[in-house]
């Protein structure tokens, strides 16, 4: 599966990109028909601690899956987003 990561208004370091790649690739083991994934990283300039946003769109046959979560770090936001997508995949598989 091809994972494309877009960091909006900043340059993400290699460690973060590798972390995201590994987490998203694990979704392929749950659901084989995933074609590819797009990841968007955004850092909002606010006084709120949870200012890191991760959006993941999975291209699958039929309807695409999408999740978006905020957290204090990109790693934590990625974990939350991947968990949300796992639930969506389980729901899709049960249909």
Protein backbone atom coordinates (compact mmCIF):
# COMPACT_ATOMS: atom_id res chain seq x y z
CA UNK A 1 0.00 0.00 0.00
CA UNK A 2 1.26 3.46 -0.89
CA UNK A 3 1.13 6.02 1.95
CA UNK A 4 1.39 9.69 0.97
CA UNK A 5 2.01 12.15 3.80
CA UNK A 6 1.41 15.89 3.47
CA UNK A 7 2.64 18.21 6.22
CA UNK A 8 0.80 21.52 5.95
CA UNK A 9 2.89 24.68 6.62
CA UNK A 10 5.84 22.80 8.15
CA UNK A 11 8.38 20.08 7.32
CA UNK A 12 7.90 16.82 9.18
CA UNK A 13 11.05 15.00 10.25
CA UNK A 14 11.94 11.51 9.02
CA UNK A 15 11.22 9.84 12.38
CA UNK A 16 7.65 11.15 12.40
CA UNK A 17 7.09 10.11 8.78
CA UNK A 18 8.44 6.61 9.51
CA UNK A 19 6.19 6.31 12.58
CA UNK A 20 3.11 7.29 10.57
CA UNK A 21 4.05 4.96 7.71
CA UNK A 22 4.34 1.96 10.08
CA UNK A 23 1.02 2.70 11.82
CA UNK A 24 -0.89 3.14 8.58
CA UNK A 25 0.69 0.08 6.94
CA UNK A 26 -0.66 -2.07 9.81
CA UNK A 27 -4.19 -1.26 8.62
CA UNK A 28 -3.44 -3.27 5.46
CA UNK A 29 -3.23 -6.44 7.59
CA UNK A 30 -6.78 -5.82 8.81
CA UNK A 31 -8.28 -5.10 5.40
CA UNK A 32 -6.54 -6.25 2.21
CA UNK A 33 -8.54 -4.17 -0.33
CA UNK A 34 -6.99 -0.86 0.83
CA UNK A 35 -5.56 0.74 -2.31
CA UNK A 36 -3.61 3.62 -0.76
CA UNK A 37 -3.65 6.15 2.05
CA UNK A 38 -3.29 9.92 2.30
CA UNK A 39 -2.17 11.50 5.57
CA UNK A 40 -2.44 15.22 6.33
CA UNK A 41 -0.56 16.75 9.26
CA UNK A 42 -1.53 20.20 10.52
CA UNK A 43 -0.19 22.24 13.44
CA UNK A 44 -2.63 24.95 14.50
CA UNK A 45 -1.29 28.06 16.21
CA UNK A 46 -3.64 28.24 19.16
CA UNK A 47 -3.42 28.39 22.92
CA UNK A 48 -5.09 24.97 23.14
CA UNK A 49 -2.73 22.10 24.00
CA UNK A 50 -4.33 19.72 21.48
CA UNK A 51 -3.23 21.70 18.44
CA UNK A 52 -1.80 18.87 16.31
CA UNK A 53 -4.24 17.42 13.77
CA UNK A 54 -3.88 14.19 11.81
CA UNK A 55 -6.27 13.30 8.99
CA UNK A 56 -6.10 9.93 7.25
CA UNK A 57 -8.06 8.98 4.14
CA UNK A 58 -8.02 5.34 3.05
CA UNK A 59 -8.91 4.65 -0.57
CA UNK A 60 -10.86 1.40 -0.66
CA UNK A 61 -13.24 -0.05 -3.24
CA UNK A 62 -16.67 1.40 -2.70
CA UNK A 63 -16.69 4.15 -0.10
CA UNK A 64 -13.43 5.69 1.16
CA UNK A 65 -12.71 5.68 4.90
CA UNK A 66 -11.71 8.89 6.69
CA UNK A 67 -10.75 9.88 10.22
CA UNK A 68 -9.47 13.09 11.81
CA UNK A 69 -8.20 13.53 15.37
CA UNK A 70 -6.48 16.23 17.45
CA UNK A 71 -3.88 15.69 20.19
CA UNK A 72 -0.90 17.34 21.83
CA UNK A 73 1.55 15.43 19.59
CA UNK A 74 1.40 14.04 16.08
CA UNK A 75 2.25 10.57 17.37
CA UNK A 76 -0.70 10.53 19.77
CA UNK A 77 -3.03 11.99 17.14
CA UNK A 78 -1.88 9.31 14.69
CA UNK A 79 -2.64 6.57 17.23
CA UNK A 80 -6.14 7.98 17.80
CA UNK A 81 -6.81 8.32 14.08
CA UNK A 82 -5.60 4.79 13.28
CA UNK A 83 -7.81 3.42 16.10
CA UNK A 84 -10.82 5.22 14.62
CA UNK A 85 -10.05 3.74 11.21
CA UNK A 86 -9.73 0.25 12.74
CA UNK A 87 -13.28 0.60 14.05
CA UNK A 88 -14.49 1.74 10.62
CA UNK A 89 -12.74 -1.22 8.96
CA UNK A 90 -14.31 -3.68 11.41
CA UNK A 91 -17.71 -2.15 10.73
CA UNK A 92 -17.17 -2.35 6.96
CA UNK A 93 -16.02 -5.98 7.17
CA UNK A 94 -19.10 -6.98 9.18
CA UNK A 95 -21.47 -5.77 6.45
